[in-house]
Amino acid sequence: MKQETMRSSPFPTSSTPDKLSEELSMLLSMRAEDQRNFTEALPPEMTLRIFSELDVRSLCRASLTCKQWNRLIEGSDSLWRNHCLTVLAVCNKEVTGDRQEGLSWKVTLVRNYQKSRAKKNWMKGRFSHVRSADQIPPNSMYPFDVETWGEILEAELER
């Protein structure tokens, strides 16, 4: 069984210099084909479908990979819209306001993402132990509207 594994290996197994050189050049050409940018090989619709499966952090990182990926990701409102709609459930008023001002889905998402995370943490009681302003963790305070603070207070009172 060990011999079968060795025979099916893509690495050169012969010992003659000519054969070794030939197999090495074949491997290098295969490697070059495998490293092709999938965005060049697929239609834009399929590429965007692949990117749509990424979470926000991964999508931002993918946009930093290369110029082509950046153009595709940054230029596609549909990629950002789906993520922004999840934030909408938490920051409805802010997202609606940003969209009415004509801001793109990405800008709306960026403006409201951290705020939505902070609100979720407050609503889950992650800061229930806080007794003074000095104990409030960084990035947990945002200019929430009165209704949001009311929701947070109600959630605290129910705990």
N, C-alpha and C. Protein backbone atom coordinates (compact mmCIF):
# COMPACT_ATOMS: atom_id res chain seq x y z
N MET A 1 0.82 -1.19 0.00
CA MET A 1 0.00 0.00 0.00
C MET A 1 0.87 1.26 0.00
N LYS A 2 1.99 1.20 0.69
CA LYS A 2 2.90 2.32 0.72
C LYS A 2 3.46 2.60 -0.67
N GLN A 3 3.71 1.57 -1.44
CA GLN A 3 4.24 1.74 -2.79
C GLN A 3 3.20 2.39 -3.70
N GLU A 4 1.91 2.05 -3.52
CA GLU A 4 0.86 2.66 -4.34
C GLU A 4 0.81 4.15 -4.09
N THR A 5 0.94 4.56 -2.84
CA THR A 5 0.92 5.97 -2.52
C THR A 5 2.08 6.69 -3.18
N MET A 6 3.21 6.06 -3.17
CA MET A 6 4.38 6.68 -3.77
C MET A 6 4.23 6.78 -5.28
N ARG A 7 3.62 5.81 -5.92
CA ARG A 7 3.43 5.84 -7.38
C ARG A 7 2.44 6.92 -7.79
N SER A 8 1.42 7.16 -6.99
CA SER A 8 0.42 8.14 -7.36
C SER A 8 0.81 9.56 -6.98
N SER A 9 1.95 9.73 -6.35
CA SER A 9 2.43 11.05 -5.96
C SER A 9 2.76 11.88 -7.19
N PRO A 10 2.47 13.18 -7.17
CA PRO A 10 2.78 14.04 -8.31
C PRO A 10 4.25 14.42 -8.38
N PHE A 11 5.03 14.07 -7.36
CA PHE A 11 6.43 14.43 -7.35
C PHE A 11 7.25 13.46 -8.20
N PRO A 12 8.31 13.95 -8.81
CA PRO A 12 9.16 13.10 -9.66
C PRO A 12 9.73 11.92 -8.87
N THR A 13 9.72 10.76 -9.52
CA THR A 13 10.22 9.56 -8.85
C THR A 13 11.39 8.91 -9.60
N SER A 14 11.65 9.37 -10.80
CA SER A 14 12.73 8.75 -11.58
C SER A 14 14.07 9.36 -11.20
N SER A 15 15.11 8.70 -11.59
CA SER A 15 16.43 9.18 -11.19
C SER A 15 17.26 9.68 -12.38
N THR A 16 16.82 9.53 -13.61
CA THR A 16 17.61 10.01 -14.74
C THR A 16 17.45 11.53 -14.84
N PRO A 17 18.53 12.24 -15.12
CA PRO A 17 18.47 13.71 -15.15
C PRO A 17 17.48 14.25 -16.17
N ASP A 18 17.42 13.65 -17.37
CA ASP A 18 16.49 14.14 -18.39
C ASP A 18 15.04 13.95 -17.94
N LYS A 19 14.76 12.78 -17.42
CA LYS A 19 13.40 12.48 -16.97
C LYS A 19 13.02 13.38 -15.79
N LEU A 20 13.96 13.59 -14.90
CA LEU A 20 13.74 14.44 -13.73
C LEU A 20 13.44 15.87 -14.17
N SER A 21 14.20 16.38 -15.11
CA SER A 21 14.00 17.72 -15.62
C SER A 21 12.64 17.87 -16.29
N GLU A 22 12.27 16.86 -17.08
CA GLU A 22 10.98 16.87 -17.76
C GLU A 22 9.82 16.88 -16.75
N GLU A 23 9.91 16.03 -15.75
CA GLU A 23 8.86 15.95 -14.74
C GLU A 23 8.79 17.22 -13.90
N LEU A 24 9.94 17.82 -13.63
CA LEU A 24 9.98 19.06 -12.87
C LEU A 24 9.32 20.19 -13.64
N SER A 25 9.60 20.29 -14.93
CA SER A 25 8.97 21.35 -15.73
C SER A 25 7.46 21.11 -15.84
N MET A 26 7.04 19.84 -15.90
CA MET A 26 5.62 19.53 -15.92
C MET A 26 4.95 19.98 -14.62
N LEU A 27 5.60 19.70 -13.48
CA LEU A 27 5.06 20.12 -12.19
C LEU A 27 4.96 21.63 -12.09
N LEU A 28 5.97 22.34 -12.57
CA LEU A 28 5.95 23.79 -12.51
C LEU A 28 4.83 24.36 -13.37
N SER A 29 4.58 23.78 -14.53
CA SER A 29 3.50 24.27 -15.38
C SER A 29 2.15 23.97 -14.74
N MET A 30 2.01 22.80 -14.09
CA MET A 30 0.76 22.48 -13.38
C MET A 30 0.54 23.47 -12.25
N ARG A 31 1.61 23.81 -11.54
CA ARG A 31 1.50 24.72 -10.41
C ARG A 31 1.06 26.10 -10.89
N ALA A 32 1.58 26.56 -12.02
CA ALA A 32 1.21 27.86 -12.56
C ALA A 32 -0.27 27.89 -12.93
N GLU A 33 -0.77 26.79 -13.49
CA GLU A 33 -2.19 26.72 -13.83
C GLU A 33 -3.06 26.73 -12.58
N ASP A 34 -2.62 26.04 -11.52
CA ASP A 34 -3.40 25.96 -10.29
C ASP A 34 -3.48 27.30 -9.57
N GLN A 35 -2.53 28.18 -9.79
CA GLN A 35 -2.50 29.44 -9.07
C GLN A 35 -3.21 30.56 -9.83
N ARG A 36 -3.93 30.21 -10.84
CA ARG A 36 -4.69 31.21 -11.59
C ARG A 36 -5.72 31.86 -10.69
N ASN A 37 -5.95 33.13 -10.85
CA ASN A 37 -6.93 33.86 -10.07
C ASN A 37 -8.33 33.42 -10.52
N PHE A 38 -9.11 32.88 -9.60
CA PHE A 38 -10.42 32.36 -9.99
C PHE A 38 -11.34 33.43 -10.53
N THR A 39 -11.10 34.69 -10.17
CA THR A 39 -11.95 35.77 -10.68
C THR A 39 -11.74 36.00 -12.17
N GLU A 40 -10.58 35.58 -12.67
CA GLU A 40 -10.32 35.70 -14.10
C GLU A 40 -10.97 34.56 -14.88
N ALA A 41 -11.14 33.43 -14.21
CA ALA A 41 -11.65 32.24 -14.90
C ALA A 41 -13.18 32.16 -14.86
N LEU A 42 -13.80 32.76 -13.86
CA LEU A 42 -15.25 32.65 -13.70
C LEU A 42 -15.97 33.90 -14.17
N PRO A 43 -17.22 33.76 -14.56
CA PRO A 43 -18.02 34.96 -14.87
C PRO A 43 -18.20 35.80 -13.61
N PRO A 44 -18.35 37.11 -13.76
CA PRO A 44 -18.48 37.99 -12.59
C PRO A 44 -19.62 37.58 -11.64
N GLU A 45 -20.72 37.08 -12.19
CA GLU A 45 -21.85 36.68 -11.35
C GLU A 45 -21.46 35.55 -10.40
N MET A 46 -20.69 34.60 -10.90
CA MET A 46 -20.26 33.47 -10.06
C MET A 46 -19.24 33.93 -9.02
N THR A 47 -18.36 34.82 -9.42
CA THR A 47 -17.36 35.36 -8.49
C THR A 47 -18.06 36.09 -7.35
N LEU A 48 -19.04 36.92 -7.68
CA LEU A 48 -19.78 37.64 -6.65
C LEU A 48 -20.55 36.68 -5.75
N ARG A 49 -21.04 35.61 -6.31
CA ARG A 49 -21.75 34.59 -5.51
C ARG A 49 -20.80 33.96 -4.48
N ILE A 50 -19.56 33.71 -4.91
CA ILE A 50 -18.56 33.16 -3.99
C ILE A 50 -18.26 34.17 -2.89
N PHE A 51 -18.04 35.42 -3.26
CA PHE A 51 -17.75 36.45 -2.27
C PHE A 51 -18.94 36.68 -1.34
N SER A 52 -20.14 36.45 -1.81
CA SER A 52 -21.32 36.68 -0.96
C SER A 52 -21.41 35.69 0.20
N GLU A 53 -20.65 34.62 0.14
CA GLU A 53 -20.64 33.63 1.22
C GLU A 53 -19.72 34.04 2.38
N LEU A 54 -18.95 35.11 2.20
CA LEU A 54 -18.00 35.55 3.22
C LEU A 54 -18.67 36.41 4.27
N ASP A 55 -18.18 36.32 5.51
CA ASP A 55 -18.65 37.24 6.54
C ASP A 55 -18.00 38.60 6.32
N VAL A 56 -18.39 39.59 7.09
CA VAL A 56 -17.92 40.96 6.88
C VAL A 56 -16.40 41.05 6.99
N ARG A 57 -15.83 40.45 8.02
CA ARG A 57 -14.38 40.53 8.22
C ARG A 57 -13.64 39.88 7.05
N SER A 58 -14.09 38.72 6.62
CA SER A 58 -13.44 38.02 5.51
C SER A 58 -13.60 38.80 4.20
N LEU A 59 -14.74 39.41 4.02
CA LEU A 59 -14.98 40.21 2.82
C LEU A 59 -14.02 41.41 2.78
N CYS A 60 -13.84 42.05 3.91
CA CYS A 60 -12.89 43.17 3.98
C CYS A 60 -11.47 42.71 3.70
N ARG A 61 -11.10 41.57 4.25
CA ARG A 61 -9.76 41.04 4.00
C ARG A 61 -9.58 40.63 2.55
N ALA A 62 -10.61 40.04 1.97
CA ALA A 62 -10.52 39.65 0.56
C ALA A 62 -10.35 40.87 -0.34
N SER A 63 -10.96 41.97 0.04
CA SER A 63 -10.83 43.18 -0.78
C SER A 63 -9.41 43.73 -0.78
N LEU A 64 -8.60 43.29 0.19
CA LEU A 64 -7.21 43.73 0.27
C LEU A 64 -6.26 42.80 -0.47
N THR A 65 -6.77 41.69 -1.00
CA THR A 65 -5.93 40.68 -1.64
C THR A 65 -5.23 41.18 -2.89
N CYS A 66 -6.00 41.76 -3.79
CA CYS A 66 -5.42 42.30 -5.02
C CYS A 66 -6.36 43.35 -5.58
N LYS A 67 -5.87 44.11 -6.55
CA LYS A 67 -6.67 45.20 -7.12
C LYS A 67 -7.95 44.68 -7.77
N GLN A 68 -7.86 43.55 -8.44
CA GLN A 68 -9.03 43.01 -9.13
C GLN A 68 -10.12 42.63 -8.12
N TRP A 69 -9.73 41.95 -7.06
CA TRP A 69 -10.71 41.58 -6.02
C TRP A 69 -11.28 42.83 -5.37
N ASN A 70 -10.43 43.81 -5.14
CA ASN A 70 -10.87 45.05 -4.51
C ASN A 70 -11.93 45.74 -5.37
N ARG A 71 -11.69 45.84 -6.68
CA ARG A 71 -12.66 46.46 -7.57
C ARG A 71 -13.99 45.72 -7.55
N LEU A 72 -13.93 44.39 -7.59
CA LEU A 72 -15.16 43.60 -7.57
C LEU A 72 -15.93 43.77 -6.27
N ILE A 73 -15.23 43.67 -5.16
CA ILE A 73 -15.89 43.72 -3.85
C ILE A 73 -16.38 45.12 -3.53
N GLU A 74 -15.52 46.11 -3.72
CA GLU A 74 -15.90 47.48 -3.40
C GLU A 74 -17.00 48.00 -4.33
N GLY A 75 -17.03 47.50 -5.55
CA GLY A 75 -18.00 47.99 -6.52
C GLY A 75 -19.34 47.27 -6.50
N SER A 76 -19.48 46.30 -5.63
CA SER A 76 -20.72 45.53 -5.61
C SER A 76 -21.54 45.85 -4.37
N ASP A 77 -22.56 46.65 -4.55
CA ASP A 77 -23.46 46.99 -3.44
C ASP A 77 -24.17 45.75 -2.89
N SER A 78 -24.42 44.77 -3.76
CA SER A 78 -25.16 43.59 -3.31
C SER A 78 -24.41 42.81 -2.24
N LEU A 79 -23.07 42.79 -2.30
CA LEU A 79 -22.29 42.08 -1.28
C LEU A 79 -22.47 42.74 0.09
N TRP A 80 -22.49 44.05 0.10
CA TRP A 80 -22.58 44.79 1.36
C TRP A 80 -24.02 44.87 1.86
N ARG A 81 -24.97 44.85 0.93
CA ARG A 81 -26.38 44.97 1.30
C ARG A 81 -26.81 43.85 2.24
N ASN A 82 -26.44 42.61 1.93
CA ASN A 82 -26.85 41.48 2.75
C ASN A 82 -26.35 41.62 4.18
N HIS A 83 -25.10 42.04 4.34
CA HIS A 83 -24.55 42.22 5.69
C HIS A 83 -25.21 43.40 6.39
N CYS A 84 -25.49 44.44 5.64
CA CYS A 84 -26.11 45.63 6.21
C CYS A 84 -27.52 45.32 6.71
N LEU A 85 -28.21 44.43 6.03
CA LEU A 85 -29.56 44.08 6.47
C LEU A 85 -29.55 43.36 7.82
N THR A 86 -28.47 42.66 8.15
CA THR A 86 -28.39 42.04 9.48
C THR A 86 -28.18 43.11 10.55
N VAL A 87 -27.46 44.17 10.20
CA VAL A 87 -27.27 45.29 11.12
C VAL A 87 -28.58 46.06 11.27
N LEU A 88 -29.37 46.09 10.22
CA LEU A 88 -30.64 46.80 10.23
C LEU A 88 -31.54 46.34 11.37
N ALA A 89 -31.48 45.07 11.69
CA ALA A 89 -32.31 44.55 12.77
C ALA A 89 -31.94 45.18 14.11
N VAL A 90 -30.71 45.64 14.25
CA VAL A 90 -30.26 46.23 15.50
C VAL A 90 -30.31 47.75 15.46
N CYS A 91 -29.91 48.33 14.36
CA CYS A 91 -29.82 49.79 14.22
C CYS A 91 -30.73 50.27 13.11
N ASN A 92 -31.98 49.93 13.19
CA ASN A 92 -32.94 50.23 12.13
C ASN A 92 -32.97 51.71 11.78
N LYS A 93 -33.10 52.55 12.79
CA LYS A 93 -33.22 53.98 12.55
C LYS A 93 -31.97 54.55 11.86
N GLU A 94 -30.79 54.16 12.31
CA GLU A 94 -29.56 54.67 11.74
C GLU A 94 -29.36 54.20 10.30
N VAL A 95 -29.62 52.91 10.06
CA VAL A 95 -29.46 52.36 8.72
C VAL A 95 -30.44 53.02 7.76
N THR A 96 -31.67 53.16 8.19
CA THR A 96 -32.69 53.79 7.34
C THR A 96 -32.28 55.23 7.02
N GLY A 97 -31.79 55.95 8.04
CA GLY A 97 -31.35 57.34 7.82
C GLY A 97 -30.19 57.43 6.84
N ASP A 98 -29.22 56.54 7.00
CA ASP A 98 -28.07 56.53 6.09
C ASP A 98 -28.50 56.23 4.66
N ARG A 99 -29.40 55.30 4.50
CA ARG A 99 -29.87 54.95 3.15
C ARG A 99 -30.67 56.10 2.54
N GLN A 100 -31.46 56.79 3.35
CA GLN A 100 -32.23 57.93 2.84
C GLN A 100 -31.32 59.08 2.43
N GLU A 101 -30.14 59.16 3.06
CA GLU A 101 -29.16 60.19 2.68
C GLU A 101 -28.42 59.81 1.40
N GLY A 102 -28.67 58.60 0.88
CA GLY A 102 -28.04 58.18 -0.36
C GLY A 102 -26.69 57.51 -0.19
N LEU A 103 -26.35 57.14 1.04
CA LEU A 103 -25.06 56.47 1.26
C LEU A 103 -25.12 55.04 0.72
N SER A 104 -23.98 54.55 0.27
CA SER A 104 -23.93 53.19 -0.27
C SER A 104 -24.14 52.19 0.85
N TRP A 105 -24.43 50.94 0.47
CA TRP A 105 -24.62 49.88 1.47
C TRP A 105 -23.36 49.66 2.28
N LYS A 106 -22.21 49.76 1.62
CA LYS A 106 -20.95 49.55 2.36
C LYS A 106 -20.73 50.64 3.39
N VAL A 107 -20.90 51.89 2.99
CA VAL A 107 -20.71 53.00 3.92
C VAL A 107 -21.70 52.88 5.08
N THR A 108 -22.93 52.53 4.77
CA THR A 108 -23.95 52.35 5.81
C THR A 108 -23.54 51.23 6.76
N LEU A 109 -23.04 50.14 6.21
CA LEU A 109 -22.61 49.02 7.05
C LEU A 109 -21.45 49.44 7.96
N VAL A 110 -20.46 50.07 7.39
CA VAL A 110 -19.28 50.48 8.17
C VAL A 110 -19.70 51.45 9.28
N ARG A 111 -20.57 52.39 8.96
CA ARG A 111 -21.01 53.36 9.96
C ARG A 111 -21.79 52.73 11.10
N ASN A 112 -22.46 51.63 10.84
CA ASN A 112 -23.36 51.06 11.84
C ASN A 112 -22.94 49.71 12.41
N TYR A 113 -21.92 49.09 11.84
CA TYR A 113 -21.53 47.75 12.27
C TYR A 113 -21.06 47.72 13.72
N GLN A 114 -20.11 48.57 14.08
CA GLN A 114 -19.59 48.58 15.45
C GLN A 114 -20.69 48.98 16.44
N LYS A 115 -21.51 49.91 16.01
CA LYS A 115 -22.62 50.34 16.87
C LYS A 115 -23.57 49.18 17.13
N SER A 116 -23.84 48.39 16.10
CA SER A 116 -24.76 47.27 16.27
C SER A 116 -24.16 46.20 17.19
N ARG A 117 -22.85 45.98 17.07
CA ARG A 117 -22.18 45.01 17.95
C ARG A 117 -22.24 45.48 19.40
N ALA A 118 -22.01 46.78 19.62
CA ALA A 118 -22.07 47.32 20.98
C ALA A 118 -23.48 47.19 21.54
N LYS A 119 -24.48 47.48 20.72
CA LYS A 119 -25.87 47.38 21.20
C LYS A 119 -26.20 45.93 21.55
N LYS A 120 -25.79 45.00 20.71
CA LYS A 120 -26.05 43.58 21.01
C LYS A 120 -25.42 43.18 22.33
N ASN A 121 -24.18 43.63 22.57
CA ASN A 121 -23.51 43.31 23.83
C ASN A 121 -24.24 43.90 25.03
N TRP A 122 -24.72 45.14 24.91
CA TRP A 122 -25.49 45.74 25.99
C TRP A 122 -26.79 44.96 26.21
N MET A 123 -27.45 44.59 25.12
CA MET A 123 -28.74 43.87 25.23
C MET A 123 -28.56 42.48 25.84
N LYS A 124 -27.41 41.86 25.60
CA LYS A 124 -27.15 40.53 26.15
C LYS A 124 -26.70 40.58 27.61
N GLY A 125 -26.50 41.78 28.14
CA GLY A 125 -26.10 41.91 29.54
C GLY A 125 -24.61 41.78 29.76
N ARG A 126 -23.82 41.93 28.72
CA ARG A 126 -22.37 41.79 28.88
C ARG A 126 -21.76 42.88 29.76
N PHE A 127 -22.48 43.98 29.95
CA PHE A 127 -21.97 45.08 30.77
C PHE A 127 -22.79 45.26 32.03
N SER A 128 -23.55 44.26 32.41
CA SER A 128 -24.38 44.34 33.62
C SER A 128 -23.55 44.51 34.88
N HIS A 129 -22.34 44.04 34.86
CA HIS A 129 -21.47 44.12 36.02
C HIS A 129 -20.84 45.50 36.22
N VAL A 130 -20.97 46.39 35.24
CA VAL A 130 -20.35 47.71 35.29
C VAL A 130 -21.06 48.56 36.35
N ARG A 131 -20.25 49.14 37.25
CA ARG A 131 -20.81 49.97 38.34
C ARG A 131 -20.40 51.44 38.21
N SER A 132 -19.40 51.72 37.36
CA SER A 132 -18.99 53.11 37.15
C SER A 132 -18.50 53.28 35.71
N ALA A 133 -18.40 54.53 35.29
CA ALA A 133 -17.97 54.82 33.91
C ALA A 133 -16.56 54.32 33.65
N ASP A 134 -15.73 54.24 34.68
CA ASP A 134 -14.35 53.77 34.51
C ASP A 134 -14.30 52.29 34.12
N GLN A 135 -15.33 51.54 34.45
CA GLN A 135 -15.35 50.11 34.18
C GLN A 135 -15.90 49.76 32.80
N ILE A 136 -16.38 50.75 32.10
CA ILE A 136 -16.95 50.48 30.77
C ILE A 136 -15.82 50.18 29.80
N PRO A 137 -15.88 49.02 29.13
CA PRO A 137 -14.81 48.65 28.19
C PRO A 137 -14.77 49.61 26.99
N PRO A 138 -13.58 49.76 26.39
CA PRO A 138 -13.51 50.60 25.18
C PRO A 138 -14.37 50.01 24.06
N ASN A 139 -14.80 50.86 23.16
CA ASN A 139 -15.63 50.46 22.01
C ASN A 139 -16.98 49.88 22.41
N SER A 140 -17.48 50.24 23.57
CA SER A 140 -18.80 49.76 23.96
C SER A 140 -19.80 50.89 24.08
N MET A 141 -19.33 52.12 23.93
CA MET A 141 -20.21 53.29 24.02
C MET A 141 -20.30 53.96 22.65
N TYR A 142 -21.51 54.17 22.21
CA TYR A 142 -21.76 54.87 20.96
C TYR A 142 -22.90 55.84 21.19
N PRO A 143 -23.04 56.85 20.36
CA PRO A 143 -24.15 57.79 20.54
C PRO A 143 -25.48 57.14 20.12
N PHE A 144 -25.97 56.24 20.98
CA PHE A 144 -27.26 55.61 20.72
C PHE A 144 -28.37 56.63 20.90
N ASP A 145 -29.47 56.41 20.20
CA ASP A 145 -30.62 57.29 20.38
C ASP A 145 -31.35 56.92 21.67
N VAL A 146 -32.31 57.73 22.05
CA VAL A 146 -33.05 57.55 23.30
C VAL A 146 -33.77 56.21 23.31
N GLU A 147 -34.35 55.82 22.18
CA GLU A 147 -35.09 54.55 22.11
C GLU A 147 -34.16 53.36 22.37
N THR A 148 -32.96 53.40 21.84
CA THR A 148 -32.00 52.31 22.03
C THR A 148 -31.61 52.21 23.50
N TRP A 149 -31.31 53.36 24.12
CA TRP A 149 -30.96 53.32 25.55
C TRP A 149 -32.15 52.83 26.37
N GLY A 150 -33.36 53.16 25.93
CA GLY A 150 -34.55 52.66 26.62
C GLY A 150 -34.64 51.14 26.53
N GLU A 151 -34.36 50.58 25.35
CA GLU A 151 -34.36 49.12 25.19
C GLU A 151 -33.31 48.46 26.08
N ILE A 152 -32.13 49.08 26.13
CA ILE A 152 -31.05 48.52 26.94
C ILE A 152 -31.43 48.57 28.43
N LEU A 153 -32.01 49.68 28.86
CA LEU A 153 -32.44 49.80 30.26
C LEU A 153 -33.51 48.79 30.61
N GLU A 154 -34.48 48.60 29.72
CA GLU A 154 -35.52 47.60 29.95
C GLU A 154 -34.92 46.20 30.07
N ALA A 155 -33.99 45.89 29.20
CA ALA A 155 -33.33 44.57 29.25
C ALA A 155 -32.57 44.40 30.56
N GLU A 156 -31.92 45.45 31.06
CA GLU A 156 -31.20 45.39 32.33
C GLU A 156 -32.17 45.19 33.50
N LEU A 157 -33.28 45.88 33.44
CA LEU A 157 -34.27 45.76 34.53
C LEU A 157 -34.90 44.37 34.59
N GLU A 158 -35.01 43.72 33.44
CA GLU A 158 -35.57 42.36 33.39
C GLU A 158 -34.60 41.31 33.91
N ARG A 159 -33.32 41.62 33.92
CA ARG A 159 -32.33 40.65 34.40
C ARG A 159 -32.34 40.51 35.88
